[in-house]
Protein backbone atom coordinates (compact mmCIF):
# COMPACT_ATOMS: atom_id res chain seq x y z
CA MET A 1 20.00 59.41 118.17
CA THR A 2 22.31 58.57 115.65
CA THR A 3 21.58 62.36 113.60
CA LYS A 4 21.99 63.99 117.08
CA THR A 5 25.16 61.97 117.69
CA ALA A 6 26.58 62.34 114.03
CA ALA A 7 25.77 65.78 114.12
CA ARG A 8 27.97 66.48 117.64
CA ARG A 9 30.69 64.92 115.88
CA PRO A 10 31.68 67.45 114.02
CA ALA A 11 31.33 70.33 116.82
CA GLN A 12 33.89 67.83 118.99
CA ALA A 13 36.39 67.90 116.01
CA ALA A 14 36.14 71.57 115.54
CA ALA A 15 36.66 72.17 119.18
CA GLY A 16 39.82 69.49 119.21
CA ALA A 17 40.94 71.90 116.19
CA ARG A 18 40.54 75.09 118.35
CA GLN A 19 42.92 74.22 121.38
CA THR A 20 46.40 74.49 121.31
CA PRO A 21 49.21 72.52 122.40
CA ALA A 22 50.40 72.74 126.19
CA PRO A 23 53.72 74.53 126.50
CA PRO A 24 56.76 72.77 127.32
CA PRO A 25 57.54 73.12 131.28
CA ALA A 26 60.04 76.26 131.97
CA GLY A 27 62.77 73.21 133.22
CA ASP A 28 62.71 71.91 129.66
CA ARG A 29 63.05 75.20 128.16
CA ARG A 30 66.01 76.77 129.90
CA ARG A 31 67.12 73.33 129.04
CA ARG A 32 66.91 73.69 125.83
CA ARG A 33 67.95 77.15 125.50
CA ILE A 34 71.74 76.72 127.92
CA THR A 35 72.15 73.90 124.73
CA ASP A 36 71.67 76.45 122.85
CA GLN A 37 73.70 79.04 123.62
CA ALA A 38 76.43 76.10 124.15
CA SER A 39 76.22 75.33 120.57
CA ALA A 40 76.47 79.07 119.51
CA TYR A 41 79.50 79.72 122.44
CA GLY A 42 80.85 76.48 120.78
CA PHE A 43 81.25 77.37 117.30
CA LEU A 44 82.38 81.40 118.23
CA LEU A 45 84.95 79.45 119.79
CA GLY A 46 87.45 78.46 117.06
CA GLY A 47 87.25 82.39 115.97
CA LEU A 48 88.12 83.86 119.32
CA ILE A 49 90.69 81.04 119.74
CA CYS A 50 92.45 82.20 116.51
CA PHE A 51 91.68 85.78 117.49
CA ALA A 52 93.19 85.85 120.68
CA LEU A 53 96.12 83.47 119.37
CA PHE A 54 97.05 86.04 115.95
CA SER A 55 95.62 89.57 117.35
CA TRP A 56 95.16 89.61 120.61
CA TYR A 57 98.39 88.26 122.01
CA PRO A 58 100.62 89.98 119.06
CA ALA A 59 99.66 93.02 120.12
CA ILE A 60 99.97 92.68 124.10
CA ARG A 61 103.16 91.73 123.52
CA ALA A 62 103.81 94.24 120.80
CA VAL A 63 103.20 97.10 123.43
CA VAL A 64 105.25 94.87 126.01
CA ILE A 65 108.76 94.72 123.64
CA SER A 66 107.99 98.57 122.94
CA PHE A 67 109.31 99.35 126.32
CA GLN A 68 112.23 96.25 126.18
CA LYS A 69 115.80 96.07 124.50
CA TYR A 70 114.66 92.72 122.58
CA THR A 71 116.27 90.66 120.49
CA PRO A 72 115.22 86.90 119.57
CA GLY A 73 116.98 84.15 121.26
CA SER A 74 118.12 86.72 124.28
CA SER A 75 116.98 87.07 127.55
CA ALA A 76 114.88 90.79 127.17
CA GLU A 77 116.08 93.97 129.08
CA TRP A 78 113.64 96.80 130.64
CA VAL A 79 114.52 100.44 128.75
CA GLY A 80 111.23 101.89 129.96
CA THR A 81 111.10 105.04 127.08
CA ALA A 82 114.24 104.30 125.70
CA ASN A 83 112.96 103.03 122.11
CA PHE A 84 110.42 105.66 122.16
CA THR A 85 113.40 108.51 122.27
CA ARG A 86 115.57 106.24 119.72
CA VAL A 87 112.68 106.64 117.36
CA LEU A 88 111.60 110.25 117.52
CA HIS A 89 115.12 110.80 116.67
CA ASP A 90 115.64 108.71 113.90
CA PRO A 91 115.65 111.05 110.50
CA GLU A 92 113.31 108.63 108.74
CA PHE A 93 110.81 108.88 111.45
CA SER A 94 109.59 112.36 110.21
CA ALA A 95 109.87 110.97 106.38
CA ALA A 96 107.87 108.43 106.99
CA TRP A 97 105.27 109.86 109.03
CA ARG A 98 105.01 112.65 106.71
CA ASN A 99 105.25 110.34 103.57
CA THR A 100 102.56 108.29 104.87
CA LEU A 101 99.49 110.78 105.35
CA THR A 102 100.43 112.26 102.21
CA PHE A 103 99.96 108.76 100.60
CA THR A 104 96.42 108.52 102.33
CA LEU A 105 95.32 112.10 101.66
CA LEU A 106 96.52 111.56 97.90
CA ALA A 107 94.84 107.93 98.36
CA LEU A 108 91.37 110.37 99.52
CA LEU A 109 91.73 112.48 96.37
CA ILE A 110 91.82 109.57 93.77
CA GLY A 111 91.04 105.96 95.45
CA PHE A 112 87.81 107.18 96.99
CA ALA A 113 85.72 109.03 94.13
CA ILE A 114 86.73 106.57 91.23
CA PRO A 115 85.24 103.71 93.29
CA PHE A 116 81.98 105.79 93.47
CA VAL A 117 82.31 107.12 89.81
CA LEU A 118 82.28 103.39 88.65
CA ALA A 119 79.77 102.31 90.75
CA LEU A 120 77.35 104.73 89.75
CA VAL A 121 78.49 103.59 85.94
CA LEU A 122 77.17 100.47 86.45
CA ASN A 123 74.61 100.93 88.20
CA GLU A 124 73.45 102.49 84.71
CA LEU A 125 74.21 99.46 82.86
CA ARG A 126 71.46 97.53 81.58
CA HIS A 127 73.43 94.65 79.67
CA ALA A 128 76.70 93.09 80.56
CA LYS A 129 76.40 93.60 84.54
CA ALA A 130 78.48 90.47 85.62
CA PHE A 131 80.83 90.85 83.27
CA PHE A 132 81.67 94.23 84.37
CA ARG A 133 81.47 93.75 87.38
CA VAL A 134 84.68 90.46 87.50
CA VAL A 135 86.19 93.19 84.78
CA VAL A 136 86.70 95.67 88.21
CA TYR A 137 86.52 93.06 90.84
CA LEU A 138 89.51 90.78 88.41
CA PRO A 139 92.64 93.01 90.26
CA VAL A 140 91.45 92.13 93.93
CA MET A 141 91.96 88.39 93.43
CA ILE A 142 95.87 89.43 92.35
CA PRO A 143 97.89 88.72 94.71
CA PRO A 144 99.54 92.16 96.13
CA VAL A 145 103.25 90.93 95.41
CA VAL A 146 102.39 89.98 91.29
CA SER A 147 100.22 93.02 91.18
CA ALA A 148 103.02 95.07 92.48
CA LEU A 149 105.93 93.43 90.47
CA LEU A 150 102.86 93.71 87.39
CA TRP A 151 103.12 96.91 88.03
CA LYS A 152 106.97 97.98 88.43
CA TRP A 153 107.04 96.64 84.94
CA PHE A 154 104.45 98.51 83.66
CA TYR A 155 106.27 101.74 84.93
CA ASP A 156 110.11 101.25 84.04
CA PRO A 157 111.60 103.77 82.50
CA GLY A 158 112.83 102.52 79.90
CA ALA A 159 110.80 99.59 78.62
CA GLY A 160 107.95 99.73 80.30
CA LEU A 161 104.37 100.23 78.98
CA ALA A 162 104.13 103.22 80.10
CA ASN A 163 106.69 105.38 78.80
CA GLU A 164 105.99 103.17 75.42
CA THR A 165 102.33 104.42 75.29
CA LEU A 166 103.74 108.41 75.89
CA ARG A 167 106.05 107.85 73.21
CA PHE A 168 103.36 106.25 71.12
CA LEU A 169 101.09 109.29 71.13
CA HIS A 170 104.19 111.99 71.33
CA LEU A 171 103.83 112.66 74.80
CA PRO A 172 107.02 113.73 77.38
CA THR A 173 107.98 110.24 79.29
CA SER A 174 107.77 110.32 83.22
CA ASN A 175 110.51 109.18 85.52
CA TRP A 176 107.66 107.46 87.37
CA THR A 177 108.55 105.51 90.79
CA ASN A 178 112.81 107.07 89.89
CA GLY A 179 111.30 110.59 90.52
CA THR A 180 110.93 111.97 94.10
CA GLY A 181 108.12 114.06 92.86
CA THR A 182 106.46 111.45 91.29
CA ALA A 183 107.09 108.54 93.10
CA LEU A 184 104.46 108.46 95.58
CA VAL A 185 101.63 109.19 93.27
CA SER A 186 102.63 106.12 90.96
CA LEU A 187 102.36 103.45 94.26
CA VAL A 188 99.00 105.71 95.05
CA ILE A 189 97.96 105.15 91.14
CA VAL A 190 98.94 101.10 92.27
CA ALA A 191 96.77 100.94 95.44
CA THR A 192 93.90 101.78 93.97
CA TRP A 193 94.20 99.99 91.02
CA ALA A 194 94.59 96.62 93.00
CA ASN A 195 91.88 97.66 95.98
CA MET A 196 89.35 99.24 93.83
CA GLY A 197 87.09 96.30 93.27
CA GLY A 198 85.58 95.11 96.70
CA THR A 199 84.85 98.78 97.61
CA VAL A 200 82.97 99.70 93.85
CA LEU A 201 81.08 96.23 94.80
CA ILE A 202 79.89 97.72 98.20
CA TYR A 203 78.70 100.59 96.67
CA LEU A 204 76.88 99.02 93.75
CA ALA A 205 74.84 96.98 96.57
CA ALA A 206 74.21 100.25 98.55
CA LEU A 207 73.23 102.07 95.39
CA GLN A 208 70.69 99.40 94.33
CA SER A 209 68.90 99.44 98.23
CA ILE A 210 67.74 102.80 96.90
CA PRO A 211 64.03 102.72 96.40
CA GLY A 212 63.16 103.37 92.72
CA GLU A 213 60.54 106.06 93.55
CA LEU A 214 62.89 108.99 94.65
CA TYR A 215 64.74 108.80 91.74
CA GLU A 216 61.51 108.90 90.01
CA ALA A 217 60.45 112.07 91.86
CA ALA A 218 63.63 113.42 91.37
CA GLU A 219 63.01 113.29 87.78
CA LEU A 220 59.66 115.17 88.03
CA ASP A 221 61.02 117.72 90.28
CA GLY A 222 63.52 118.19 87.29
CA ALA A 223 66.45 117.43 88.69
CA ASN A 224 69.26 116.12 86.15
CA LEU A 225 72.19 113.60 86.70
CA LEU A 226 74.53 115.13 89.06
CA GLN A 227 71.01 117.09 91.42
CA ARG A 228 69.88 113.35 91.84
CA VAL A 229 73.61 112.28 92.77
CA ARG A 230 74.16 115.04 95.06
CA HIS A 231 70.05 114.71 96.90
CA VAL A 232 69.10 111.43 96.29
CA THR A 233 72.19 109.02 96.16
CA ILE A 234 74.72 110.60 98.43
CA PRO A 235 72.66 111.15 101.68
CA GLN A 236 71.05 107.98 100.82
CA THR A 237 74.66 105.99 100.91
CA ARG A 238 76.11 108.16 104.02
CA PHE A 239 77.01 105.63 106.19
CA VAL A 240 78.39 103.15 104.35
CA VAL A 241 80.63 106.41 102.49
CA LEU A 242 81.69 106.97 105.75
CA MET A 243 82.37 104.25 106.57
CA LEU A 244 84.70 102.84 103.40
CA MET A 245 86.25 106.37 104.13
CA LEU A 246 86.87 105.33 107.40
CA LEU A 247 88.53 101.84 106.44
CA GLN A 248 90.38 102.99 103.83
CA ILE A 249 92.30 105.60 106.08
CA ILE A 250 93.00 102.87 108.16
CA ALA A 251 94.51 101.12 105.55
CA THR A 252 96.25 103.69 102.81
CA MET A 253 98.51 104.43 106.67
CA GLN A 254 99.65 100.64 106.98
CA VAL A 255 101.09 100.57 103.46
CA PHE A 256 103.34 98.60 102.87
CA THR A 257 103.32 96.20 100.01
CA GLU A 258 103.82 98.87 97.12
CA PRO A 259 106.83 100.60 98.82
CA PHE A 260 108.21 97.41 99.38
CA VAL A 261 108.07 95.71 95.89
CA ILE A 262 108.68 98.54 93.76
CA THR A 263 110.21 101.32 95.44
CA GLY A 264 112.35 99.79 98.11
CA GLY A 265 111.56 102.83 99.81
CA GLY A 266 113.39 105.13 97.54
CA PRO A 267 114.07 107.46 95.78
CA GLU A 268 115.92 109.25 98.27
CA ASN A 269 112.98 107.94 101.29
CA ALA A 270 110.72 109.71 99.36
CA THR A 271 108.80 106.39 99.85
CA VAL A 272 109.44 105.01 102.65
CA THR A 273 105.97 104.79 105.16
CA VAL A 274 105.69 104.08 108.83
CA LEU A 275 105.19 99.95 108.11
CA TYR A 276 107.94 100.09 105.53
CA LEU A 277 110.04 101.56 108.67
CA ILE A 278 108.73 99.01 111.46
CA TYR A 279 109.88 96.57 108.75
CA LYS A 280 113.35 98.08 108.36
CA TYR A 281 114.09 98.95 112.74
CA ALA A 282 112.59 94.39 112.85
CA PHE A 283 114.27 92.62 110.42
CA LEU A 284 117.28 95.16 108.91
CA TYR A 285 118.39 96.95 112.08
CA ASN A 286 117.13 93.96 113.85
CA ASP A 287 116.08 96.23 117.20
CA PHE A 288 112.45 94.83 117.59
CA GLY A 289 112.24 96.85 120.34
CA GLY A 290 112.09 100.60 118.37
CA ALA A 291 109.65 98.69 115.39
CA CYS A 292 107.29 97.85 118.54
CA ALA A 293 107.48 101.31 119.88
CA LEU A 294 106.28 102.65 116.38
CA SER A 295 103.73 100.48 115.86
CA VAL A 296 102.83 101.20 119.45
CA MET A 297 103.01 104.59 117.86
CA LEU A 298 101.10 104.02 115.07
CA LEU A 299 98.24 101.83 116.97
CA VAL A 300 97.80 104.75 119.40
CA LEU A 301 97.10 107.28 116.00
CA LEU A 302 94.48 105.06 114.55
CA GLY A 303 92.79 104.54 117.15
CA ILE A 304 92.31 108.12 118.53
CA PHE A 305 91.03 109.14 114.98
CA SER A 306 88.99 105.80 114.31
CA ALA A 307 87.20 107.25 118.10
CA VAL A 308 87.27 110.83 117.48
CA TYR A 309 85.83 110.19 113.50
CA LEU A 310 82.99 107.55 115.11
CA ARG A 311 81.75 110.25 117.41
CA LEU A 312 81.68 112.49 115.17
CA THR A 313 79.76 110.93 112.97
CA ARG A 314 77.36 109.69 115.49
CA SER A 315 77.16 113.19 116.48
CA GLY A 316 76.44 114.34 112.39
CA GLU A 317 73.57 111.40 112.14
CA ASP A 318 71.98 112.62 115.49
CA GLY A 319 71.79 116.59 114.61
């Protein structure tokens, strides 16, 4: 009897171990789910309030003011599309858009390829990777105004480091930001240097996520470095490249700090951009209706461009 009881106990223990606990009642599960969602929305509420106060409300308010004659401290007067008509007939309007589009194109030609090449070089390094990543990212940590003032001294036609270097090398000097033909290119160089650090690190993260077997297979097939970049690296990082290109175009279309600090829109309006013209309307001409009208134009243009760009890239991926 004692032997049978002892033999039965392990079997009973094993049966008890196999038993799964009963699921909680449906009411408890629903209550827990509601509590989790309420907590999530509670944490999200702070971000939504910040966006509403500092992004959505100013954007909606700017659209309203673009149809009004508005001066701070006085009542607004509805004028319809008069602000848009006045802005369109401004002689600086066409120059600002031409300079902005030229700046964007030059930024794509100069500032889009350099970060990708730097990321490729950093990805191939075997030593001191962390050091060079810090060096590349360092300009991003410098305040934009400080960076612009540094380059303003660098471009000084008299005692600036750029011309001093050219004199040391017995090369002809340049007017840099004082010449109508070189001012915009000089600003593109400044913007590229100041903002490429983050782009390089994003590219580097994308490159490190590419499986090494793809490069090994390409090497076995006899592909050289350029062929590996063309047939392996670029296709594998295509999504990141397209997204960063969109973000760069949107950012360069809103360039302001470099023209404002370094050139003041000159020489001869050669570096007046759309955002700088918005600043002039609002704070120099005290014409907030015109400034908001120009802002709405820029918003609509960037919105349409972003929608078309995303549609085309998505169609290319689906095809």
